[in-house]
Protein backbone atom coordinates (compact mmCIF):
# COMPACT_ATOMS: atom_id res chain seq x y z
CA MET A 1 0.00 0.00 0.00
CA ASP A 2 1.11 3.61 -0.63
CA TRP A 3 1.57 4.80 2.96
CA GLN A 4 2.32 8.36 1.85
CA GLN A 5 -1.18 8.54 0.41
CA ALA A 6 -2.65 6.92 3.51
CA ARG A 7 -0.91 9.46 5.76
CA ARG A 8 -2.20 12.26 3.56
CA LEU A 9 -5.75 10.93 3.90
CA LEU A 10 -5.43 10.68 7.67
CA LEU A 11 -3.97 14.20 7.92
CA LEU A 12 -6.76 15.68 5.81
CA THR A 13 -9.39 13.81 7.79
CA PHE A 14 -7.82 14.94 11.08
CA THR A 15 -7.88 18.54 9.87
CA ALA A 16 -11.50 18.22 8.78
CA VAL A 17 -12.48 16.73 12.14
CA ASN A 18 -10.92 19.65 13.97
CA VAL A 19 -12.73 22.11 11.73
CA VAL A 20 -16.02 20.35 12.41
CA LEU A 21 -15.38 20.31 16.16
CA ALA A 22 -14.61 24.01 16.10
CA LEU A 23 -17.80 24.71 14.18
CA ALA A 24 -19.79 22.55 16.57
CA LEU A 25 -18.66 24.73 19.48
CA TRP A 26 -19.90 27.93 17.87
CA LEU A 27 -22.81 26.93 15.66
CA PRO A 28 -26.31 26.40 17.09
CA PRO A 29 -27.35 22.75 17.74
CA PHE A 30 -29.56 22.54 14.65
CA SER A 31 -26.48 23.15 12.46
CA GLN A 32 -24.48 20.19 13.81
CA PRO A 33 -26.09 17.50 11.57
CA ILE A 34 -25.07 19.61 8.58
CA THR A 35 -21.43 19.64 9.68
CA GLN A 36 -21.51 15.87 10.24
CA LEU A 37 -22.93 15.35 6.75
CA TRP A 38 -20.22 17.57 5.27
CA LEU A 39 -17.49 15.62 7.06
CA GLY A 40 -18.86 12.29 5.78
CA GLN A 41 -19.03 13.57 2.22
CA PHE A 42 -15.50 14.95 2.44
CA ARG A 43 -14.15 11.67 3.81
CA GLU A 44 -15.88 9.58 1.13
CA ARG A 45 -14.71 11.83 -1.69
CA GLU A 46 -11.12 11.64 -0.48
CA VAL A 47 -11.24 7.84 -0.22
CA ARG A 48 -12.65 7.56 -3.74
CA ASN A 49 -9.85 9.76 -5.05
CA GLN A 50 -7.19 7.71 -3.26
CA LEU A 51 -8.63 4.45 -4.64
CA ALA A 52 -8.90 5.85 -8.17
CA ALA A 53 -5.24 6.83 -8.05
CA GLN A 54 -4.43 3.14 -7.50
CA GLY A 55 -6.80 1.86 -10.21
CA PHE A 56 -9.78 0.95 -8.00
CA ARG A 57 -13.38 2.15 -7.97
CA LEU A 58 -15.86 2.44 -5.12
CA GLU A 59 -19.49 2.03 -6.21
CA ALA A 60 -21.02 1.95 -2.75
CA PRO A 61 -21.47 4.53 0.00
CA LEU A 62 -19.04 4.39 2.89
CA PRO A 63 -20.81 3.21 6.06
CA ARG A 64 -20.67 5.17 9.27
CA ALA A 65 -17.41 4.77 11.12
CA GLU A 66 -17.50 3.11 14.55
CA ARG A 67 -15.04 3.91 17.31
CA VAL A 68 -14.75 0.66 19.28
CA ARG A 69 -15.99 -2.93 19.26
CA PRO A 70 -15.37 -5.98 21.50
CA PHE A 71 -14.75 -9.50 20.25
CA LEU A 72 -17.70 -11.86 19.76
CA ARG A 73 -17.25 -15.40 21.03
CA VAL A 74 -19.10 -18.18 19.22
CA SER A 75 -19.38 -21.95 19.55
CA PRO A 76 -20.49 -24.69 17.12
CA PRO A 77 -24.17 -24.84 16.19
CA ALA A 78 -26.37 -26.15 18.99
CA PRO A 79 -27.71 -29.69 18.37
CA ALA A 80 -31.28 -28.44 18.80
CA VAL A 81 -30.74 -25.77 16.12
CA ILE A 82 -29.22 -28.33 13.75
CA GLN A 83 -32.14 -30.71 14.30
CA GLU A 84 -34.80 -28.02 13.82
CA LEU A 85 -33.16 -26.80 10.61
CA ALA A 86 -32.83 -30.36 9.30
CA ASP A 87 -36.49 -31.08 10.09
CA ARG A 88 -37.70 -27.94 8.32
CA LEU A 89 -35.58 -28.69 5.25
CA THR A 90 -36.79 -32.29 5.16
CA ARG A 91 -40.40 -31.10 5.02
CA LEU A 92 -39.53 -29.02 1.95
CA ALA A 93 -37.98 -31.95 0.10
CA GLY A 94 -39.70 -33.13 -3.05
CA THR A 95 -40.86 -36.69 -3.44
CA GLY A 96 -39.48 -39.15 -5.97
CA SER A 97 -36.53 -38.58 -8.23
CA ALA A 98 -35.83 -35.68 -10.53
CA PRO A 99 -34.57 -35.96 -14.11
CA GLY A 100 -30.82 -36.29 -14.28
CA GLY A 101 -30.47 -38.89 -11.57
CA TRP A 102 -30.76 -36.68 -8.51
CA GLY A 103 -32.07 -39.54 -6.42
CA ALA A 104 -33.88 -39.28 -3.08
CA PRO A 105 -33.94 -36.06 -1.04
CA ALA A 106 -31.10 -35.81 1.43
CA VAL A 107 -30.27 -33.75 4.52
CA LEU A 108 -26.71 -34.28 5.72
CA VAL A 109 -24.98 -32.91 8.82
CA GLN A 110 -21.26 -32.51 8.26
CA PRO A 111 -18.57 -32.36 10.99
CA GLY A 112 -18.69 -29.05 12.80
CA GLY A 113 -22.43 -28.61 12.32
CA ILE A 114 -22.69 -27.72 8.62
CA VAL A 115 -26.12 -28.73 7.29
CA GLN A 116 -26.47 -29.61 3.61
CA PHE A 117 -29.80 -30.16 1.85
CA ARG A 118 -30.58 -31.47 -1.61
CA PRO A 119 -34.25 -31.90 -2.61
CA GLY A 120 -35.43 -34.84 -4.64
CA ARG A 121 -36.13 -32.41 -7.46
CA PRO A 122 -35.67 -28.63 -7.91
CA TRP A 123 -37.86 -26.77 -5.43
CA GLY A 124 -40.16 -23.98 -6.58
CA ALA A 125 -40.77 -22.47 -10.00
CA PRO A 126 -38.29 -21.88 -12.86
CA VAL A 127 -35.99 -18.92 -12.25
CA ARG A 128 -34.41 -16.41 -14.62
CA LEU A 129 -30.89 -16.66 -13.27
CA GLU A 130 -29.74 -13.55 -15.12
CA ASN A 131 -32.19 -11.47 -13.05
CA PRO A 132 -30.83 -10.91 -9.49
CA GLY A 133 -34.25 -9.72 -8.32
CA ALA A 134 -35.92 -12.92 -9.50
CA VAL A 135 -33.15 -15.00 -7.93
CA ARG A 136 -33.60 -13.28 -4.58
CA GLN A 137 -37.39 -13.68 -4.70
CA ALA A 138 -37.02 -17.41 -5.35
CA ALA A 139 -34.61 -17.83 -2.43
CA GLU A 140 -36.84 -15.86 -0.06
CA ALA A 141 -39.88 -17.87 -1.12
CA PHE A 142 -37.93 -20.98 -0.09
CA LEU A 143 -37.05 -19.47 3.30
CA ARG A 144 -40.67 -18.46 3.94
CA ALA A 145 -42.02 -21.86 2.95
CA GLY A 146 -39.69 -23.58 5.39
CA GLY A 147 -39.96 -21.01 8.17
CA ILE A 148 -36.16 -20.83 8.23
CA GLN A 149 -36.15 -17.37 9.80
CA ALA A 150 -37.72 -18.97 12.88
CA VAL A 151 -34.53 -21.00 13.37
CA ARG A 152 -32.15 -18.04 13.17
CA MET A 153 -32.59 -14.39 12.23
CA LEU A 154 -30.92 -13.88 8.85
CA ARG A 155 -29.93 -10.97 6.63
CA MET A 156 -29.39 -11.17 2.88
CA ALA A 157 -25.68 -10.65 2.29
CA ARG A 158 -24.96 -11.08 -1.41
CA ILE A 159 -25.80 -12.82 -4.69
CA TYR A 160 -23.06 -14.47 -6.70
CA TYR A 161 -22.66 -17.12 -9.40
CA THR A 162 -20.72 -20.38 -9.42
CA PRO A 163 -18.41 -21.37 -12.30
CA ALA A 164 -21.12 -23.85 -13.35
CA GLY A 165 -23.60 -20.99 -13.76
CA ARG A 166 -25.75 -21.54 -10.69
CA ALA A 167 -26.93 -18.51 -8.73
CA VAL A 168 -26.23 -18.39 -5.00
CA VAL A 169 -28.11 -16.20 -2.54
CA GLU A 170 -26.14 -15.94 0.69
CA TYR A 171 -27.63 -14.95 4.03
CA VAL A 172 -25.77 -14.37 7.29
CA PRO A 173 -27.07 -14.67 10.87
CA VAL A 174 -27.53 -11.53 12.94
CA TYR A 175 -26.61 -11.06 16.61
CA GLU A 176 -27.86 -7.94 18.41
CA GLY A 177 -28.31 -6.20 15.08
CA VAL A 178 -24.81 -7.00 13.79
CA PRO A 179 -24.17 -9.47 10.95
CA VAL A 180 -22.05 -12.49 11.88
CA PHE A 181 -20.10 -13.30 8.72
CA ALA A 182 -18.71 -16.43 10.40
CA GLY A 183 -22.06 -18.08 9.72
CA TYR A 184 -24.10 -18.44 6.55
CA LEU A 185 -27.05 -19.93 4.73
CA ARG A 186 -26.53 -20.35 0.99
CA VAL A 187 -29.36 -21.13 -1.41
CA PHE A 188 -28.14 -22.56 -4.73
CA LEU A 189 -30.51 -22.08 -7.66
CA GLY A 190 -30.61 -23.49 -11.17
CA GLN A 191 -33.02 -22.63 -13.93
CA GLU A 192 -35.65 -25.02 -12.52
CA GLY A 193 -35.53 -23.75 -8.94
CA VAL A 194 -33.68 -24.38 -5.67
CA GLU A 195 -31.17 -27.22 -6.10
CA GLU A 196 -29.16 -27.15 -2.89
CA VAL A 197 -28.85 -25.43 0.49
CA ALA A 198 -25.88 -25.23 2.85
CA ALA A 199 -26.04 -23.66 6.31
CA PHE A 200 -23.73 -23.04 9.25
CA PHE A 201 -25.21 -21.28 12.29
CA PRO A 202 -22.58 -20.79 15.02
CA THR A 203 -23.97 -20.09 18.49
CA PRO A 204 -23.19 -16.58 19.80
CA GLU A 205 -21.81 -16.78 23.34
CA GLY A 206 -21.72 -13.01 23.82
CA PHE A 207 -19.26 -10.17 23.51
CA ARG A 208 -15.90 -10.63 25.21
CA GLY A 209 -12.97 -8.49 26.26
CA ASP A 210 -12.42 -4.76 26.37
CA PRO A 211 -13.63 -2.86 23.30
CA LYS A 212 -10.86 -2.17 20.78
CA GLY A 213 -10.46 0.64 18.30
CA VAL A 214 -12.14 0.01 14.93
CA LEU A 215 -10.44 0.85 11.65
CA ASP A 216 -12.17 3.52 9.59
CA PRO A 217 -13.96 1.93 6.57
CA GLY A 218 -12.06 4.19 4.18
CA GLU A 219 -8.75 3.08 5.64
CA ALA A 220 -9.91 -0.54 5.40
CA LEU A 221 -10.55 -0.09 1.66
CA LEU A 222 -7.10 1.42 1.19
CA ARG A 223 -5.56 -1.52 3.04
CA LEU A 224 -7.43 -3.90 0.73
CA ALA A 225 -6.30 -1.96 -2.33
CA GLY A 226 -2.72 -2.30 -1.16
CA TYR A 227 -3.22 -6.03 -0.62
CA LEU A 228 -4.66 -6.48 -4.11
CA LYS A 229 -1.74 -4.60 -5.62
CA VAL A 230 0.58 -7.28 -4.21
CA ASN A 231 -1.89 -10.18 -4.60
CA PRO A 232 -3.87 -9.29 -7.73
CA SER A 233 -7.28 -10.88 -8.15
CA THR A 234 -7.40 -13.54 -10.84
CA ARG A 235 -10.88 -12.26 -11.72
CA GLY A 236 -9.92 -8.61 -11.95
CA GLY A 237 -11.96 -7.50 -8.94
CA THR A 238 -11.05 -3.82 -8.86
CA THR A 239 -14.53 -2.35 -8.30
CA PHE A 240 -15.82 -2.40 -4.73
CA THR A 241 -19.61 -2.68 -4.55
CA GLY A 242 -20.31 -3.17 -0.85
CA VAL A 243 -18.73 -2.37 2.53
CA GLU A 244 -20.23 -3.55 5.84
CA LEU A 245 -19.03 -4.07 9.40
CA GLY A 246 -19.72 -7.38 11.13
CA TYR A 247 -17.94 -10.26 12.85
CA TYR A 248 -15.81 -12.85 11.11
CA ALA A 249 -13.41 -15.73 11.72
CA PRO A 250 -13.00 -18.93 9.69
CA PRO A 251 -15.22 -21.74 11.05
CA SER A 252 -13.46 -24.20 13.33
CA VAL A 253 -14.44 -27.88 13.14
CA SER A 254 -12.66 -29.03 16.29
CA ALA A 255 -12.78 -26.03 18.68
CA SER A 256 -15.40 -25.89 21.42
CA SER A 257 -15.57 -22.11 20.95
CA TRP A 258 -13.60 -19.36 19.24
CA GLU A 259 -13.46 -15.60 19.00
CA THR A 260 -14.65 -13.69 15.97
CA TYR A 261 -13.23 -10.24 15.32
CA ALA A 262 -14.86 -7.10 13.99
CA ALA A 263 -14.28 -7.05 10.24
CA TRP A 264 -15.13 -4.92 7.26
CA ARG A 265 -16.56 -7.18 4.57
CA VAL A 266 -15.89 -5.83 1.08
CA LEU A 267 -17.65 -7.14 -2.03
CA THR A 268 -16.39 -6.70 -5.59
CA ALA A 269 -18.25 -6.42 -8.88
CA THR A 270 -16.84 -9.81 -9.92
CA GLY A 271 -18.41 -11.61 -6.95
CA GLU A 272 -15.41 -11.85 -4.67
CA VAL A 273 -15.54 -11.15 -0.95
CA TYR A 274 -12.73 -9.96 1.31
CA TYR A 275 -12.57 -9.39 5.05
CA VAL A 276 -10.42 -6.64 6.54
CA ASN A 277 -9.76 -7.12 10.25
CA ALA A 278 -11.14 -3.94 11.79
CA PHE A 279 -8.70 -4.23 14.71
CA THR A 280 -5.44 -4.94 12.86
CA GLY A 281 -6.08 -4.02 9.21
CA GLU A 282 -5.04 -7.46 7.98
CA VAL A 283 -6.83 -8.78 4.89
CA GLU A 284 -8.31 -12.26 4.63
CA ALA A 285 -9.62 -13.71 1.37
CA PRO A 286 -11.57 -16.92 2.12
């Protein structure tokens, strides 16, 4: 990463913050939201300029910066949650065999609590895979039919496509309003409907430790840009389309519990996802 540019961004932001604080002392209270809006616009414009200078584009608004966050400790999915999810998926399974030799419906529980589901035949109606809106509607119809949101509160995270051309709608669990990127529910769709589902719902054990300083989202993007300069994406992911703060750590099959860290999740126009540790600035590409 170009640290000269990063220092320049931090210096300009620091100067802008001091200007805003000075204005806040003298301006009437009703003017303070205006100064905060100005600061956010200034910060976002500067980040966009810094990224453009390195050959990257930001096509998403920068989220609000947060000052501190604790760690979030999680444990493997609870047996009762696994069983309830498996039961609900089983009730959605088709009967008989589908063309192409799919065979009987199957719900499998992998080591570590990963639940995989394959219906006897594609579930639901045909889907126009080239239409993200239609893909999302088909996935959400599946979730409603199975009452999956009753098992764990979920938030739609992204839509991407596999090399084989299937569409995938990914959801992540939410804990106290914050997305937990360490978990997921992925709905795989073909042209005839839902073909497969995979889910991993770690159990939140609560926040742990003293709150730590959180990296500014603009700085996180610049860290990622520096990482991609050294480790270029094989798919040419140079346009950032989404930035969101949540909790992440790779799933552990053998651990009884593990800590997830605050992370900025960054999506690219080519369907890639990166996690920037909001405590250390390190980049992880799963």
